[in-house]
Protein backbone atom coordinates (compact mmCIF):
# COMPACT_ATOMS: atom_id res chain seq x y z
CA UNK A 1 1.23 -25.53 15.57
CA UNK A 2 0.17 -25.70 18.94
CA UNK A 3 -2.69 -22.92 19.34
CA UNK A 4 -3.28 -23.25 22.77
CA UNK A 5 0.32 -22.07 23.71
CA UNK A 6 1.26 -18.46 24.75
CA UNK A 7 1.88 -16.23 21.72
CA UNK A 8 5.04 -14.71 20.84
CA UNK A 9 5.93 -11.79 19.93
CA UNK A 10 8.51 -10.97 16.92
CA UNK A 11 9.96 -7.32 15.96
CA UNK A 12 10.28 -7.18 12.25
CA UNK A 13 12.31 -3.95 10.52
CA UNK A 14 12.05 -3.55 7.49
CA UNK A 15 14.95 -0.85 5.72
CA UNK A 16 13.52 2.03 4.61
CA UNK A 17 15.24 2.24 1.29
CA UNK A 18 12.65 2.93 -0.91
CA UNK A 19 9.62 0.34 -0.42
CA UNK A 20 10.91 -3.32 -1.54
CA UNK A 21 11.81 -4.40 1.75
CA UNK A 22 8.92 -3.04 4.05
CA UNK A 23 6.15 -4.75 1.07
CA UNK A 24 8.20 -7.59 1.10
CA UNK A 25 7.77 -8.26 4.69
CA UNK A 26 3.91 -7.89 4.08
CA UNK A 27 3.27 -11.62 3.63
CA UNK A 28 5.54 -12.36 6.57
CA UNK A 29 3.63 -10.30 8.83
CA UNK A 30 0.38 -11.92 7.56
CA UNK A 31 2.35 -15.49 8.35
CA UNK A 32 3.19 -14.36 11.71
CA UNK A 33 -0.40 -13.32 12.89
CA UNK A 34 -1.74 -16.60 10.83
CA UNK A 35 0.89 -19.23 13.24
CA UNK A 36 -0.13 -17.57 16.27
CA UNK A 37 2.50 -14.71 16.94
CA UNK A 38 2.03 -11.42 17.69
CA UNK A 39 4.31 -8.70 14.98
CA UNK A 40 5.29 -5.74 16.63
CA UNK A 41 6.62 -3.76 13.66
CA UNK A 42 9.88 -0.93 13.65
CA UNK A 43 11.06 1.42 10.88
CA UNK A 44 11.28 4.40 9.96
CA UNK A 45 10.14 7.17 7.07
CA UNK A 46 7.73 5.81 4.27
CA UNK A 47 8.41 2.21 5.00
CA UNK A 48 6.99 3.22 8.36
CA UNK A 49 4.15 5.41 6.25
CA UNK A 50 3.55 1.63 4.28
CA UNK A 51 3.29 -0.63 6.79
CA UNK A 52 0.95 1.51 8.61
CA UNK A 53 -1.72 2.29 6.03
CA UNK A 54 -1.50 -2.09 5.45
CA UNK A 55 -1.96 -2.98 9.22
CA UNK A 56 -3.55 -0.17 11.51
CA UNK A 57 -3.71 -2.43 14.06
CA UNK A 58 -0.91 -3.24 14.74
CA UNK A 59 1.73 -1.18 17.25
CA UNK A 60 4.15 0.38 15.46
CA UNK A 61 7.37 1.82 17.06
CA UNK A 62 10.36 4.30 15.19
CA UNK A 63 13.90 3.43 13.86
CA UNK A 64 16.45 6.13 13.29
CA UNK A 65 17.06 6.68 9.31
CA UNK A 66 19.97 5.83 7.92
CA UNK A 67 19.56 8.55 6.49
CA UNK A 68 20.23 6.93 2.86
CA UNK A 69 20.83 9.29 -0.40
CA UNK A 70 21.09 8.78 -4.24
CA UNK A 71 23.38 11.36 -6.22
CA UNK A 72 21.68 12.73 -9.05
CA UNK A 73 24.40 11.82 -11.35
CA UNK A 74 24.23 7.42 -10.88
CA UNK A 75 27.95 7.56 -10.85
CA UNK A 76 28.10 8.84 -7.82
CA UNK A 77 26.26 6.88 -6.34
CA UNK A 78 28.72 4.51 -4.03
CA UNK A 79 30.26 8.03 -2.95
CA UNK A 80 27.57 9.48 -1.71
CA UNK A 81 26.88 6.42 0.13
CA UNK A 82 29.82 6.71 1.44
CA UNK A 83 29.92 9.80 2.06
CA UNK A 84 26.91 9.42 4.72
CA UNK A 85 28.24 5.88 5.82
CA UNK A 86 29.06 7.76 9.49
CA UNK A 87 25.58 8.79 10.05
CA UNK A 88 24.54 5.03 8.48
CA UNK A 89 26.69 3.97 11.53
CA UNK A 90 25.23 6.27 14.28
CA UNK A 91 21.69 4.74 13.28
CA UNK A 92 22.94 0.99 13.29
CA UNK A 93 24.43 1.61 17.25
CA UNK A 94 21.33 3.67 18.16
CA UNK A 95 19.41 0.39 16.43
CA UNK A 96 20.98 -1.92 19.16
CA UNK A 97 20.21 0.17 22.19
CA UNK A 98 16.73 0.71 21.44
CA UNK A 99 16.14 -3.15 20.45
CA UNK A 100 18.04 -4.04 23.75
CA UNK A 101 15.40 -1.85 25.55
CA UNK A 102 12.26 -3.00 23.44
CA UNK A 103 12.99 -6.52 24.38
CA UNK A 104 12.70 -5.87 26.97
CA UNK A 105 9.68 -3.58 27.36
CA UNK A 106 7.69 -5.48 25.15
CA UNK A 107 8.50 -9.09 25.79
CA UNK A 108 9.57 -9.78 22.59
CA UNK A 109 9.97 -13.18 22.07
CA UNK A 110 12.36 -12.86 18.25
CA UNK A 111 13.35 -10.76 15.66
CA UNK A 112 13.05 -10.49 12.32
CA UNK A 113 15.52 -7.43 10.46
CA UNK A 114 14.97 -6.62 6.33
CA UNK A 115 18.74 -5.34 5.70
CA UNK A 116 18.63 -3.01 9.27
CA UNK A 117 22.04 -3.73 10.29
CA UNK A 118 21.70 -3.42 14.11
CA UNK A 119 17.94 -4.99 14.61
CA UNK A 120 19.46 -7.96 16.46
CA UNK A 121 20.07 -8.99 20.02
CA UNK A 122 21.63 -12.02 21.01
CA UNK A 123 19.56 -13.35 23.99
CA UNK A 124 16.48 -14.02 21.09
CA UNK A 125 16.64 -15.91 17.86
CA UNK A 126 17.58 -13.26 15.53
CA UNK A 127 16.74 -13.40 11.86
CA UNK A 128 18.07 -11.35 8.91
CA UNK A 129 16.26 -11.22 5.48
CA UNK A 130 18.55 -10.30 2.34
CA UNK A 131 18.50 -11.31 -1.71
CA UNK A 132 21.68 -10.00 -1.53
CA UNK A 133 24.83 -13.01 0.33
CA UNK A 134 26.87 -10.42 -2.57
CA UNK A 135 25.96 -7.14 -2.06
CA UNK A 136 27.51 -5.23 -6.12
CA UNK A 137 29.37 -1.99 -5.67
CA UNK A 138 31.10 -2.26 -9.03
CA UNK A 139 34.84 -3.09 -8.02
CA UNK A 140 34.39 -3.23 -4.46
CA UNK A 141 31.88 -5.80 -4.71
CA UNK A 142 34.55 -8.01 -2.99
CA UNK A 143 34.55 -6.29 0.32
CA UNK A 144 31.12 -4.98 0.39
CA UNK A 145 30.04 -8.59 -0.07
CA UNK A 146 32.75 -9.57 2.75
CA UNK A 147 31.63 -7.20 5.12
CA UNK A 148 27.72 -7.91 4.86
CA UNK A 149 28.32 -11.75 5.33
CA UNK A 150 30.31 -10.86 8.58
CA UNK A 151 27.10 -9.25 9.79
CA UNK A 152 24.31 -12.21 8.27
CA UNK A 153 27.13 -14.83 10.88
CA UNK A 154 25.60 -12.66 13.64
CA UNK A 155 22.38 -13.85 13.37
CA UNK A 156 20.46 -16.59 14.06
CA UNK A 157 19.81 -17.43 10.64
CA UNK A 158 19.08 -15.84 7.00
CA UNK A 159 16.48 -15.85 4.96
CA UNK A 160 16.53 -15.51 1.22
CA UNK A 161 13.66 -14.58 -0.98
CA UNK A 162 14.86 -17.41 -3.72
CA UNK A 163 15.16 -20.91 -4.56
CA UNK A 164 18.11 -22.68 -3.56
CA UNK A 165 18.29 -24.27 -7.84
CA UNK A 166 17.97 -23.40 -10.94
CA UNK A 167 15.11 -21.02 -12.31
CA UNK A 168 15.92 -18.34 -9.46
CA UNK A 169 15.69 -15.02 -9.61
CA UNK A 170 18.70 -13.05 -7.96
CA UNK A 171 21.50 -15.20 -10.17
CA UNK A 172 24.61 -14.45 -8.28
CA UNK A 173 22.94 -12.00 -5.11
CA UNK A 174 21.75 -14.68 -3.26
CA UNK A 175 23.75 -17.29 -4.16
CA UNK A 176 27.56 -17.78 -3.06
CA UNK A 177 29.96 -21.18 -4.25
CA UNK A 178 31.79 -21.73 -0.62
CA UNK A 179 29.99 -20.10 2.80
CA UNK A 180 29.45 -21.02 6.49
CA UNK A 181 26.13 -18.91 6.58
CA UNK A 182 23.06 -20.38 8.36
CA UNK A 183 21.10 -19.23 5.49
CA UNK A 184 17.88 -20.66 4.43
CA UNK A 185 15.63 -20.74 0.73
CA UNK A 186 12.67 -19.58 2.10
CA UNK A 187 11.25 -18.97 -1.80
CA UNK A 188 10.06 -15.56 -3.26
CA UNK A 189 8.16 -13.56 -1.08
CA UNK A 190 5.01 -11.26 -2.50
CA UNK A 191 2.02 -9.91 -1.44
CA UNK A 192 0.01 -10.28 -4.65
CA UNK A 193 -2.14 -12.73 -6.67
CA UNK A 194 -2.41 -13.48 -10.32
CA UNK A 195 -5.92 -13.08 -10.91
CA UNK A 196 -8.21 -13.01 -14.45
CA UNK A 197 -9.03 -9.79 -15.03
CA UNK A 198 -10.92 -7.57 -17.67
CA UNK A 199 -7.78 -5.44 -19.31
CA UNK A 200 -8.35 -1.73 -18.24
CA UNK A 201 -4.69 -0.38 -18.81
CA UNK A 202 -2.12 -0.58 -21.86
CA UNK A 203 0.43 0.45 -20.02
CA UNK A 204 1.04 0.51 -15.94
CA UNK A 205 4.25 2.51 -14.78
CA UNK A 206 4.89 1.95 -10.57
CA UNK A 207 8.02 3.76 -9.49
CA UNK A 208 9.93 3.59 -6.47
CA UNK A 209 12.77 4.20 -4.68
CA UNK A 210 14.98 7.45 -3.07
CA UNK A 211 15.15 10.42 -4.10
CA UNK A 212 15.96 12.29 -5.90
CA UNK A 213 15.99 9.56 -8.94
CA UNK A 214 12.45 8.76 -8.22
CA UNK A 215 11.30 12.35 -8.89
CA UNK A 216 13.69 12.67 -11.55
CA UNK A 217 12.05 9.41 -13.45
CA UNK A 218 8.70 10.70 -13.24
CA UNK A 219 9.33 14.08 -14.64
CA UNK A 220 11.23 11.84 -17.66
CA UNK A 221 8.42 9.70 -17.77
CA UNK A 222 5.59 12.52 -17.96
CA UNK A 223 6.80 13.44 -21.17
CA UNK A 224 7.58 10.29 -22.56
CA UNK A 225 3.66 8.91 -22.25
CA UNK A 226 2.59 12.21 -23.83
CA UNK A 227 3.55 10.11 -27.39
CA UNK A 228 1.93 6.55 -26.34
CA UNK A 229 -1.12 5.48 -27.57
CA UNK A 230 -3.45 3.74 -24.71
CA UNK A 231 -4.87 3.94 -21.54
CA UNK A 232 -2.51 4.35 -18.50
CA UNK A 233 -2.38 4.05 -15.19
CA UNK A 234 0.70 5.87 -13.20
CA UNK A 235 1.44 5.22 -9.81
CA UNK A 236 4.18 7.86 -7.95
CA UNK A 237 5.39 6.13 -5.69
CA UNK A 238 4.84 9.09 -3.22
CA UNK A 239 3.45 7.72 0.67
CA UNK A 240 1.34 10.57 1.49
CA UNK A 241 -1.29 11.11 4.60
CA UNK A 242 -4.04 10.78 1.43
CA UNK A 243 -4.28 9.10 -1.42
CA UNK A 244 -4.85 11.02 -4.35
CA UNK A 245 -5.86 10.53 -7.74
CA UNK A 246 -6.09 12.72 -10.56
CA UNK A 247 -6.95 11.71 -13.79
CA UNK A 248 -5.20 13.99 -17.42
CA UNK A 249 -6.58 12.34 -21.01
CA UNK A 250 -5.72 8.85 -21.15
CA UNK A 251 -3.15 8.49 -18.23
CA UNK A 252 -4.54 8.33 -14.67
CA UNK A 253 -2.40 9.35 -11.90
CA UNK A 254 -2.79 7.86 -8.10
CA UNK A 255 0.19 9.06 -5.68
CA UNK A 256 0.46 5.05 -4.07
CA UNK A 257 -2.01 2.22 -3.86
CA UNK A 258 -2.72 -0.17 -0.70
CA UNK A 259 -1.68 -3.64 -1.66
CA UNK A 260 -4.83 -5.13 -2.60
CA UNK A 261 -5.57 -2.62 -5.25
CA UNK A 262 -2.38 -2.40 -6.11
CA UNK A 263 -2.54 -6.24 -7.06
CA UNK A 264 -6.56 -4.97 -8.94
CA UNK A 265 -4.36 -2.69 -11.48
CA UNK A 266 -1.46 -5.17 -12.28
CA UNK A 267 -3.94 -7.93 -12.87
CA UNK A 268 -5.60 -4.73 -15.40
CA UNK A 269 -2.62 -3.81 -17.17
CA UNK A 270 -1.44 -5.55 -19.99
CA UNK A 271 2.25 -4.29 -19.56
CA UNK A 272 4.59 -2.90 -16.76
CA UNK A 273 7.55 -0.20 -16.26
CA UNK A 274 8.94 -0.21 -13.93
CA UNK A 275 12.91 -0.11 -11.92
CA UNK A 276 14.54 -3.67 -11.40
CA UNK A 277 14.14 -3.37 -7.70
CA UNK A 278 14.10 -7.07 -6.67
CA UNK A 279 10.57 -6.86 -4.71
CA UNK A 280 9.06 -5.40 -8.43
CA UNK A 281 10.50 -8.51 -10.38
CA UNK A 282 8.63 -11.15 -7.31
CA UNK A 283 5.78 -9.54 -7.88
CA UNK A 284 5.68 -9.25 -11.04
CA UNK A 285 7.23 -12.94 -11.47
CA UNK A 286 3.62 -14.31 -8.98
CA UNK A 287 1.43 -12.55 -11.26
CA UNK A 288 3.38 -13.23 -14.00
CA UNK A 289 3.66 -9.89 -16.24
CA UNK A 290 5.49 -8.25 -19.25
CA UNK A 291 7.89 -5.77 -18.14
CA UNK A 292 10.16 -3.40 -18.99
CA UNK A 293 12.59 -2.07 -16.64
CA UNK A 294 14.73 0.61 -15.92
CA UNK A 295 17.55 0.56 -13.37
CA UNK A 296 17.94 3.30 -10.54
CA UNK A 297 20.93 5.12 -12.08
CA UNK A 298 24.45 3.65 -10.19
CA UNK A 299 22.38 1.13 -8.73
CA UNK A 300 24.50 -1.80 -9.01
CA UNK A 301 22.07 -4.68 -8.09
CA UNK A 302 19.02 -3.19 -9.99
CA UNK A 303 21.42 -2.85 -12.94
CA UNK A 304 22.76 -6.69 -12.44
CA UNK A 305 18.81 -8.29 -12.67
CA UNK A 306 17.92 -6.31 -15.80
CA UNK A 307 20.62 -7.39 -17.85
CA UNK A 308 20.34 -11.33 -16.02
CA UNK A 309 16.78 -10.69 -17.53
CA UNK A 310 17.41 -9.36 -20.52
CA UNK A 311 19.68 -12.16 -20.95
CA UNK A 312 17.74 -15.00 -20.20
CA UNK A 313 14.99 -13.53 -23.07
CA UNK A 314 12.18 -12.61 -19.83
CA UNK A 315 12.64 -8.38 -19.50
CA UNK A 316 14.26 -6.11 -22.15
CA UNK A 317 15.76 -2.57 -19.70
CA UNK A 318 17.04 0.93 -20.44
CA UNK A 319 19.04 3.08 -19.20
CA UNK A 320 17.23 5.92 -17.23
CA UNK A 321 19.40 8.73 -19.82
CA UNK A 322 18.24 6.82 -22.83
CA UNK A 323 14.68 5.20 -22.37
CA UNK A 324 12.22 6.70 -24.86
CA UNK A 325 8.71 5.19 -25.21
CA UNK A 326 9.43 3.77 -28.05
CA UNK A 327 11.47 0.74 -26.26
CA UNK A 328 8.10 -0.14 -24.86
CA UNK A 329 7.78 -2.02 -28.32
CA UNK A 330 11.30 -4.17 -27.23
CA UNK A 331 8.52 -6.08 -24.83
CA UNK A 332 7.11 -8.18 -27.44
CA UNK A 333 10.26 -9.70 -27.95
CA UNK A 334 10.60 -11.48 -24.62
CA UNK A 335 8.82 -13.71 -22.87
CA UNK A 336 8.01 -11.98 -19.78
CA UNK A 337 8.57 -13.43 -16.22
CA UNK A 338 6.62 -16.25 -14.55
CA UNK A 339 6.15 -17.60 -11.63
CA UNK A 340 8.66 -19.74 -9.76
CA UNK A 341 7.11 -22.32 -8.04
CA UNK A 342 8.49 -22.80 -4.64
CA UNK A 343 5.97 -23.72 -1.29
CA UNK A 344 6.30 -21.51 1.54
CA UNK A 345 5.91 -23.75 4.57
CA UNK A 346 5.61 -20.57 7.07
CA UNK A 347 5.47 -23.18 10.41
CA UNK A 348 8.23 -24.82 9.50
CA UNK A 349 10.37 -21.32 8.51
CA UNK A 350 9.35 -20.04 11.79
CA UNK A 351 10.09 -22.84 13.74
CA UNK A 352 13.14 -21.06 14.82
CA UNK A 353 11.15 -18.45 16.93
CA UNK A 354 9.95 -21.43 18.95
CA UNK A 355 13.10 -24.28 19.52
CA UNK A 356 13.58 -24.46 23.11
CA UNK A 357 17.52 -24.74 22.87
CA UNK A 358 19.91 -22.21 24.14
CA UNK A 359 20.79 -19.53 21.42
CA UNK A 360 24.33 -19.00 19.87
CA UNK A 361 26.37 -16.41 22.26
CA UNK A 362 26.65 -14.47 18.83
CA UNK A 363 29.29 -11.47 19.65
């Protein structure tokens, strides 16, 4: 890249659904900075709060909340989302208006939307990030996938944080047999690096995801770990103004951790217990970790990923209601995750924002 050329401003907008979309945007934001782009970050809720802590010197804008809520009973997850659809559509329409206004106000040259459906504009190159070309929703998977693919078609490019071939991490979620989408497999994204550090914790628990399921799992695990023999690091996944640390017997509790602290904690821990969210899987793969998964009840994507990795002999899992601390012994029978090598060629990937060509007029 010609460093003498003027810097282009790129709007980066992750969905606020747990912390996964925000955390996987961290390496993208860093890559933009390394390649002479100026990132502006837009999101809401805990996703916005987390990125403010990671990049306190950047400009931040607030988007309307999709108001995503989980049902207390996993089997009602899909219906809860359907019930929230009118609010979500309202937020998406508001996003479109804000983005149009911000392009003029902040001289934005390009857009990277991580699953925010209203963050695009036909006047600038707009990229959509997803690992879900197929959106699993049980017997309505065909419909949710079709709707999602139609949204993706509006964008200049779709970046998939996975490999095009095998081995891959997302399986059927990120691979289609036939399609007419402008997709680019950029390889798994992780803010983590593997380091050889002395082990400090026998077990690391890291929670994430929207309420009430995050809190329900926290309460369950607090009871279960009383029966565990070893040192535990328990990261609750609650983003607050101040970081809080609490030591209770052999358990060290944190409300949240910054990326550098998390990286060190992962490397200092023998095994990991967490949700089977895709960002967690990418991080654990980069770190070559052994893990145990508890998928979010009713979230088909996490259930599929957990089943896929168990079938491949990599990571065991249990349903939230059935999990007991003894289940962690199963980890010994599984290989654990290992890094899938992919050379992230950021200058080539980010070239979409430098092409001096007329943009396709997306409808």
